Amino acid sequence: MNASVVDLRYRMKDILKALDRNETVTIMYHGKKKGIITPSSSSNDINILQHPFFGMTADDTEESVETTVDELRNGRY
């Protein structure tokens, strides 16, 4: 779906419906493509058993709890 900047303001309901249909929405400004809105994936749920913090105790790990927490709290880049 193509949408102009004005459509973002006045036709947001249609844009949200398109995202519900898993369509990408291309944002146009003065006839030029400015950006793309993609639908979010709902597969963000991970298995709790696969999480690196699951089952962590002080006596069964090679590295310390502080080191593991620091790795989990790292920035994005």
PDB file of N, CA and C in Angstrom:
ATOM      1  N   MET A   1       0.848  -1.170   0.000  1.00  0.00           N
ATOM      2  CA  MET A   1       0.000   0.000   0.000  1.00  0.00           C
ATOM      3  C   MET A   1       0.892   1.231   0.000  1.00  0.00           C
ATOM      4  N   ASN A   2       0.543   2.201  -0.806  1.00  0.00           N
ATOM      5  CA  ASN A   2       1.220   3.490  -0.809  1.00  0.00           C
ATOM      6  C   ASN A   2       0.370   4.489  -0.042  1.00  0.00           C
ATOM      7  N   ALA A   3       1.000   5.280   0.773  1.00  0.00           N
ATOM      8  CA  ALA A   3       0.283   6.289   1.552  1.00  0.00           C
ATOM      9  C   ALA A   3       1.101   7.567   1.571  1.00  0.00           C
ATOM     10  N   SER A   4       0.424   8.673   1.428  1.00  0.00           N
ATOM     11  CA  SER A   4       1.108   9.961   1.508  1.00  0.00           C
ATOM     12  C   SER A   4       1.159  10.407   2.969  1.00  0.00           C
ATOM     13  N   VAL A   5       1.855  11.487   3.189  1.00  0.00           N
ATOM     14  CA  VAL A   5       1.952  12.025   4.543  1.00  0.00           C
ATOM     15  C   VAL A   5       0.576  12.473   5.026  1.00  0.00           C
ATOM     16  N   VAL A   6      -0.243  12.985   4.122  1.00  0.00           N
ATOM     17  CA  VAL A   6      -1.601  13.393   4.483  1.00  0.00           C
ATOM     18  C   VAL A   6      -2.432  12.167   4.866  1.00  0.00           C
ATOM     19  N   ASP A   7      -2.212  11.032   4.165  1.00  0.00           N
ATOM     20  CA  ASP A   7      -2.925   9.799   4.512  1.00  0.00           C
ATOM     21  C   ASP A   7      -2.573   9.328   5.916  1.00  0.00           C
ATOM     22  N   LEU A   8      -1.351   9.573   6.331  1.00  0.00           N
ATOM     23  CA  LEU A   8      -0.974   9.196   7.694  1.00  0.00           C
ATOM     24  C   LEU A   8      -1.825   9.927   8.718  1.00  0.00           C
ATOM     25  N   ARG A   9      -2.208  11.121   8.382  1.00  0.00           N
ATOM     26  CA  ARG A   9      -2.997  11.907   9.321  1.00  0.00           C
ATOM     27  C   ARG A   9      -4.479  11.570   9.243  1.00  0.00           C
ATOM     28  N   TYR A  10      -5.009  11.484   8.029  1.00  0.00           N
ATOM     29  CA  TYR A  10      -6.456  11.373   7.875  1.00  0.00           C
ATOM     30  C   TYR A  10      -6.960   9.949   7.626  1.00  0.00           C
ATOM     31  N   ARG A  11      -6.097   9.041   7.221  1.00  0.00           N
ATOM     32  CA  ARG A  11      -6.532   7.680   6.911  1.00  0.00           C
ATOM     33  C   ARG A  11      -5.736   6.644   7.697  1.00  0.00           C
ATOM     34  N   MET A  12      -5.427   6.947   8.933  1.00  0.00           N
ATOM     35  CA  MET A  12      -4.632   6.037   9.750  1.00  0.00           C
ATOM     36  C   MET A  12      -5.335   4.700   9.948  1.00  0.00           C
ATOM     37  N   LYS A  13      -6.656   4.709  10.001  1.00  0.00           N
ATOM     38  CA  LYS A  13      -7.413   3.472  10.183  1.00  0.00           C
ATOM     39  C   LYS A  13      -7.154   2.511   9.022  1.00  0.00           C
ATOM     40  N   ASP A  14      -7.113   3.031   7.796  1.00  0.00           N
ATOM     41  CA  ASP A  14      -6.844   2.190   6.632  1.00  0.00           C
ATOM     42  C   ASP A  14      -5.411   1.662   6.644  1.00  0.00           C
ATOM     43  N   ILE A  15      -4.495   2.475   7.104  1.00  0.00           N
ATOM     44  CA  ILE A  15      -3.100   2.043   7.179  1.00  0.00           C
ATOM     45  C   ILE A  15      -2.943   0.937   8.218  1.00  0.00           C
ATOM     46  N   LEU A  16      -3.610   1.075   9.343  1.00  0.00           N
ATOM     47  CA  LEU A  16      -3.546   0.032  10.371  1.00  0.00           C
ATOM     48  C   LEU A  16      -4.197  -1.257   9.898  1.00  0.00           C
ATOM     49  N   LYS A  17      -5.269  -1.149   9.115  1.00  0.00           N
ATOM     50  CA  LYS A  17      -5.896  -2.350   8.550  1.00  0.00           C
ATOM     51  C   LYS A  17      -4.949  -3.048   7.578  1.00  0.00           C
ATOM     52  N   ALA A  18      -4.224  -2.264   6.789  1.00  0.00           N
ATOM     53  CA  ALA A  18      -3.253  -2.854   5.867  1.00  0.00           C
ATOM     54  C   ALA A  18      -2.144  -3.566   6.631  1.00  0.00           C
ATOM     55  N   LEU A  19      -1.710  -2.991   7.730  1.00  0.00           N
ATOM     56  CA  LEU A  19      -0.693  -3.651   8.549  1.00  0.00           C
ATOM     57  C   LEU A  19      -1.239  -4.921   9.189  1.00  0.00           C
ATOM     58  N   ASP A  20      -2.527  -4.935   9.540  1.00  0.00           N
ATOM     59  CA  ASP A  20      -3.143  -6.148  10.069  1.00  0.00           C
ATOM     60  C   ASP A  20      -3.181  -7.249   9.023  1.00  0.00           C
ATOM     61  N   ARG A  21      -3.252  -6.872   7.743  1.00  0.00           N
ATOM     62  CA  ARG A  21      -3.235  -7.841   6.650  1.00  0.00           C
ATOM     63  C   ARG A  21      -1.810  -8.210   6.247  1.00  0.00           C
ATOM     64  N   ASN A  22      -0.841  -7.815   7.041  1.00  0.00           N
ATOM     65  CA  ASN A  22       0.587  -8.072   6.816  1.00  0.00           C
ATOM     66  C   ASN A  22       1.094  -7.446   5.526  1.00  0.00           C
ATOM     67  N   GLU A  23       0.557  -6.291   5.158  1.00  0.00           N
ATOM     68  CA  GLU A  23       1.048  -5.541   4.012  1.00  0.00           C
ATOM     69  C   GLU A  23       2.060  -4.508   4.498  1.00  0.00           C
ATOM     70  N   THR A  24       3.025  -4.221   3.660  1.00  0.00           N
ATOM     71  CA  THR A  24       3.930  -3.127   3.975  1.00  0.00           C
ATOM     72  C   THR A  24       3.341  -1.841   3.418  1.00  0.00           C
ATOM     73  N   VAL A  25       3.541  -0.761   4.119  1.00  0.00           N
ATOM     74  CA  VAL A  25       3.006   0.537   3.722  1.00  0.00           C
ATOM     75  C   VAL A  25       4.192   1.426   3.351  1.00  0.00           C
ATOM     76  N   THR A  26       4.179   1.912   2.113  1.00  0.00           N
ATOM     77  CA  THR A  26       5.219   2.807   1.632  1.00  0.00           C
ATOM     78  C   THR A  26       4.756   4.240   1.822  1.00  0.00           C
ATOM     79  N   ILE A  27       5.554   5.033   2.499  1.00  0.00           N
ATOM     80  CA  ILE A  27       5.216   6.430   2.765  1.00  0.00           C
ATOM     81  C   ILE A  27       5.802   7.288   1.647  1.00  0.00           C
ATOM     82  N   MET A  28       4.939   8.063   1.001  1.00  0.00           N
ATOM     83  CA  MET A  28       5.342   8.931  -0.101  1.00  0.00           C
ATOM     84  C   MET A  28       5.245  10.393   0.346  1.00  0.00           C
ATOM     85  N   TYR A  29       6.218  11.199  -0.081  1.00  0.00           N
ATOM     86  CA  TYR A  29       6.212  12.632   0.207  1.00  0.00           C
ATOM     87  C   TYR A  29       6.597  13.348  -1.076  1.00  0.00           C
ATOM     88  N   HIS A  30       5.684  14.118  -1.601  1.00  0.00           N
ATOM     89  CA  HIS A  30       5.858  14.800  -2.885  1.00  0.00           C
ATOM     90  C   HIS A  30       6.213  13.808  -3.989  1.00  0.00           C
ATOM     91  N   GLY A  31       5.586  12.628  -3.957  1.00  0.00           N
ATOM     92  CA  GLY A  31       5.790  11.623  -4.993  1.00  0.00           C
ATOM     93  C   GLY A  31       7.051  10.803  -4.854  1.00  0.00           C
ATOM     94  N   LYS A  32       7.828  11.029  -3.822  1.00  0.00           N
ATOM     95  CA  LYS A  32       9.059  10.274  -3.610  1.00  0.00           C
ATOM     96  C   LYS A  32       8.916   9.413  -2.370  1.00  0.00           C
ATOM     97  N   LYS A  33       9.494   8.234  -2.443  1.00  0.00           N
ATOM     98  CA  LYS A  33       9.417   7.310  -1.316  1.00  0.00           C
ATOM     99  C   LYS A  33      10.299   7.809  -0.181  1.00  0.00           C
ATOM    100  N   LYS A  34       9.695   7.978   1.004  1.00  0.00           N
ATOM    101  CA  LYS A  34      10.429   8.452   2.176  1.00  0.00           C
ATOM    102  C   LYS A  34      10.697   7.345   3.190  1.00  0.00           C
ATOM    103  N   GLY A  35       9.837   6.345   3.219  1.00  0.00           N
ATOM    104  CA  GLY A  35      10.029   5.290   4.197  1.00  0.00           C
ATOM    105  C   GLY A  35       9.052   4.160   3.993  1.00  0.00           C
ATOM    106  N   ILE A  36       9.249   3.116   4.763  1.00  0.00           N
ATOM    107  CA  ILE A  36       8.402   1.926   4.695  1.00  0.00           C
ATOM    108  C   ILE A  36       8.010   1.535   6.109  1.00  0.00           C
ATOM    109  N   ILE A  37       6.728   1.271   6.299  1.00  0.00           N
ATOM    110  CA  ILE A  37       6.230   0.742   7.569  1.00  0.00           C
ATOM    111  C   ILE A  37       5.949  -0.732   7.337  1.00  0.00           C
ATOM    112  N   THR A  38       6.588  -1.586   8.105  1.00  0.00           N
ATOM    113  CA  THR A  38       6.378  -3.020   7.965  1.00  0.00           C
ATOM    114  C   THR A  38       5.613  -3.536   9.173  1.00  0.00           C
ATOM    115  N   PRO A  39       4.783  -4.558   8.980  1.00  0.00           N
ATOM    116  CA  PRO A  39       4.050  -5.108  10.121  1.00  0.00           C
ATOM    117  C   PRO A  39       5.007  -5.816  11.076  1.00  0.00           C
ATOM    118  N   SER A  40       4.704  -5.730  12.342  1.00  0.00           N
ATOM    119  CA  SER A  40       5.564  -6.377  13.330  1.00  0.00           C
ATOM    120  C   SER A  40       5.301  -7.865  13.309  1.00  0.00           C
ATOM    121  N   SER A  41       6.346  -8.606  13.588  1.00  0.00           N
ATOM    122  CA  SER A  41       6.186 -10.053  13.652  1.00  0.00           C
ATOM    123  C   SER A  41       5.792 -10.425  15.067  1.00  0.00           C
ATOM    124  N   SER A  42       4.819 -11.286  15.179  1.00  0.00           N
ATOM    125  CA  SER A  42       4.338 -11.669  16.505  1.00  0.00           C
ATOM    126  C   SER A  42       5.097 -12.863  17.055  1.00  0.00           C
ATOM    127  N   SER A  43       6.210 -13.223  16.427  1.00  0.00           N
ATOM    128  CA  SER A  43       6.979 -14.365  16.900  1.00  0.00           C
ATOM    129  C   SER A  43       8.091 -13.935  17.847  1.00  0.00           C
ATOM    130  N   ASN A  44       7.854 -12.905  18.636  1.00  0.00           N
ATOM    131  CA  ASN A  44       8.842 -12.443  19.599  1.00  0.00           C
ATOM    132  C   ASN A  44       8.912 -13.341  20.820  1.00  0.00           C
ATOM    133  N   ASP A  45       7.941 -14.223  20.980  1.00  0.00           N
ATOM    134  CA  ASP A  45       7.937 -15.110  22.126  1.00  0.00           C
ATOM    135  C   ASP A  45       9.024 -16.164  21.948  1.00  0.00           C
ATOM    136  N   ILE A  46       9.899 -16.263  22.933  1.00  0.00           N
ATOM    137  CA  ILE A  46      10.928 -17.283  22.885  1.00  0.00           C
ATOM    138  C   ILE A  46      10.613 -18.333  23.936  1.00  0.00           C
ATOM    139  N   ASN A  47      11.135 -19.486  23.727  1.00  0.00           N
ATOM    140  CA  ASN A  47      10.971 -20.557  24.691  1.00  0.00           C
ATOM    141  C   ASN A  47      11.786 -20.203  25.933  1.00  0.00           C
ATOM    142  N   ILE A  48      11.162 -20.278  27.077  1.00  0.00           N
ATOM    143  CA  ILE A  48      11.830 -19.887  28.321  1.00  0.00           C
ATOM    144  C   ILE A  48      13.024 -20.794  28.620  1.00  0.00           C
ATOM    145  N   LEU A  49      12.977 -22.029  28.138  1.00  0.00           N
ATOM    146  CA  LEU A  49      14.098 -22.933  28.374  1.00  0.00           C
ATOM    147  C   LEU A  49      15.323 -22.542  27.555  1.00  0.00           C
ATOM    148  N   GLN A  50      15.136 -21.787  26.484  1.00  0.00           N
ATOM    149  CA  GLN A  50      16.246 -21.363  25.644  1.00  0.00           C
ATOM    150  C   GLN A  50      16.883 -20.057  26.116  1.00  0.00           C
ATOM    151  N   HIS A  51      16.268 -19.392  27.077  1.00  0.00           N
ATOM    152  CA  HIS A  51      16.805 -18.123  27.555  1.00  0.00           C
ATOM    153  C   HIS A  51      18.094 -18.381  28.327  1.00  0.00           C
ATOM    154  N   PRO A  52      19.125 -17.581  28.110  1.00  0.00           N
ATOM    155  CA  PRO A  52      20.409 -17.843  28.769  1.00  0.00           C
ATOM    156  C   PRO A  52      20.374 -17.685  30.287  1.00  0.00           C
ATOM    157  N   PHE A  53      19.361 -17.039  30.822  1.00  0.00           N
ATOM    158  CA  PHE A  53      19.282 -16.831  32.263  1.00  0.00           C
ATOM    159  C   PHE A  53      18.555 -17.969  32.969  1.00  0.00           C
ATOM    160  N   PHE A  54      17.930 -18.887  32.220  1.00  0.00           N
ATOM    161  CA  PHE A  54      17.149 -19.968  32.810  1.00  0.00           C
ATOM    162  C   PHE A  54      18.074 -20.967  33.496  1.00  0.00           C
ATOM    163  N   GLY A  55      17.743 -21.324  34.715  1.00  0.00           N
ATOM    164  CA  GLY A  55      18.486 -22.338  35.445  1.00  0.00           C
ATOM    165  C   GLY A  55      19.857 -21.893  35.923  1.00  0.00           C
ATOM    166  N   MET A  56      20.103 -20.614  35.965  1.00  0.00           N
ATOM    167  CA  MET A  56      21.420 -20.133  36.362  1.00  0.00           C
ATOM    168  C   MET A  56      21.543 -20.169  37.886  1.00  0.00           C
ATOM    169  N   THR A  57      22.526 -20.841  38.346  1.00  0.00           N
ATOM    170  CA  THR A  57      22.869 -20.807  39.764  1.00  0.00           C
ATOM    171  C   THR A  57      24.365 -20.560  39.873  1.00  0.00           C
ATOM    172  N   ALA A  58      24.799 -20.216  41.046  1.00  0.00           N
ATOM    173  CA  ALA A  58      26.200 -19.843  41.228  1.00  0.00           C
ATOM    174  C   ALA A  58      27.141 -21.033  41.088  1.00  0.00           C
ATOM    175  N   ASP A  59      26.649 -22.257  41.324  1.00  0.00           N
ATOM    176  CA  ASP A  59      27.575 -23.378  41.347  1.00  0.00           C
ATOM    177  C   ASP A  59      27.603 -24.195  40.053  1.00  0.00           C
ATOM    178  N   ASP A  60      26.716 -23.938  39.090  1.00  0.00           N
ATOM    179  CA  ASP A  60      26.740 -24.764  37.880  1.00  0.00           C
ATOM    180  C   ASP A  60      27.098 -23.982  36.614  1.00  0.00           C
ATOM    181  N   THR A  61      27.696 -22.825  36.744  1.00  0.00           N
ATOM    182  CA  THR A  61      28.100 -22.055  35.567  1.00  0.00           C
ATOM    183  C   THR A  61      29.597 -21.812  35.591  1.00  0.00           C
ATOM    184  N   GLU A  62      30.161 -21.633  34.400  1.00  0.00           N
ATOM    185  CA  GLU A  62      31.587 -21.356  34.311  1.00  0.00           C
ATOM    186  C   GLU A  62      31.886 -19.885  34.570  1.00  0.00           C
ATOM    187  N   GLU A  63      30.981 -19.007  34.169  1.00  0.00           N
ATOM    188  CA  GLU A  63      31.216 -17.582  34.369  1.00  0.00           C
ATOM    189  C   GLU A  63      30.290 -17.059  35.461  1.00  0.00           C
ATOM    190  N   SER A  64      30.637 -15.931  35.989  1.00  0.00           N
ATOM    191  CA  SER A  64      29.879 -15.387  37.107  1.00  0.00           C
ATOM    192  C   SER A  64      28.531 -14.838  36.646  1.00  0.00           C
ATOM    193  N   VAL A  65      27.643 -14.677  37.584  1.00  0.00           N
ATOM    194  CA  VAL A  65      26.324 -14.128  37.299  1.00  0.00           C
ATOM    195  C   VAL A  65      26.453 -12.693  36.805  1.00  0.00           C
ATOM    196  N   GLU A  66      27.356 -11.937  37.384  1.00  0.00           N
ATOM    197  CA  GLU A  66      27.546 -10.548  36.977  1.00  0.00           C
ATOM    198  C   GLU A  66      27.980 -10.446  35.518  1.00  0.00           C
ATOM    199  N   THR A  67      28.856 -11.351  35.085  1.00  0.00           N
ATOM    200  CA  THR A  67      29.309 -11.345  33.695  1.00  0.00           C
ATOM    201  C   THR A  67      28.160 -11.652  32.751  1.00  0.00           C
ATOM    202  N   THR A  68      27.336 -12.623  33.099  1.00  0.00           N
ATOM    203  CA  THR A  68      26.204 -12.979  32.247  1.00  0.00           C
ATOM    204  C   THR A  68      25.181 -11.859  32.189  1.00  0.00           C
ATOM    205  N   VAL A  69      24.917 -11.209  33.308  1.00  0.00           N
ATOM    206  CA  VAL A  69      23.971 -10.094  33.322  1.00  0.00           C
ATOM    207  C   VAL A  69      24.511  -8.938  32.487  1.00  0.00           C
ATOM    208  N   ASP A  70      25.808  -8.682  32.562  1.00  0.00           N
ATOM    209  CA  ASP A  70      26.404  -7.626  31.741  1.00  0.00           C
ATOM    210  C   ASP A  70      26.276  -7.942  30.254  1.00  0.00           C
ATOM    211  N   GLU A  71      26.426  -9.212  29.868  1.00  0.00           N
ATOM    212  CA  GLU A  71      26.262  -9.599  28.466  1.00  0.00           C
ATOM    213  C   GLU A  71      24.821  -9.414  28.012  1.00  0.00           C
ATOM    214  N   LEU A  72      23.861  -9.730  28.882  1.00  0.00           N
ATOM    215  CA  LEU A  72      22.456  -9.573  28.527  1.00  0.00           C
ATOM    216  C   LEU A  72      22.060  -8.109  28.429  1.00  0.00           C
ATOM    217  N   ARG A  73      22.719  -7.237  29.172  1.00  0.00           N
ATOM    218  CA  ARG A  73      22.369  -5.818  29.186  1.00  0.00           C
ATOM    219  C   ARG A  73      23.187  -4.990  28.207  1.00  0.00           C
ATOM    220  N   ASN A  74      23.946  -5.621  27.341  1.00  0.00           N
ATOM    221  CA  ASN A  74      24.742  -4.875  26.370  1.00  0.00           C
ATOM    222  C   ASN A  74      23.849  -4.031  25.487  1.00  0.00           C
ATOM    223  N   GLY A  75      24.425  -2.996  24.923  1.00  0.00           N
ATOM    224  CA  GLY A  75      23.685  -2.159  23.994  1.00  0.00           C
ATOM    225  C   GLY A  75      23.431  -2.885  22.681  1.00  0.00           C
ATOM    226  N   ARG A  76      22.730  -2.220  21.798  1.00  0.00           N
ATOM    227  CA  ARG A  76      22.399  -2.823  20.516  1.00  0.00           C
ATOM    228  C   ARG A  76      23.604  -2.942  19.599  1.00  0.00           C
ATOM    229  N   TYR A  77      24.537  -2.014  19.712  1.00  0.00           N
ATOM    230  CA  TYR A  77      25.606  -1.963  18.723  1.00  0.00           C
ATOM    231  C   TYR A  77      26.922  -2.321  19.315  1.00  0.00           C
TER     232      TYR A  77
END
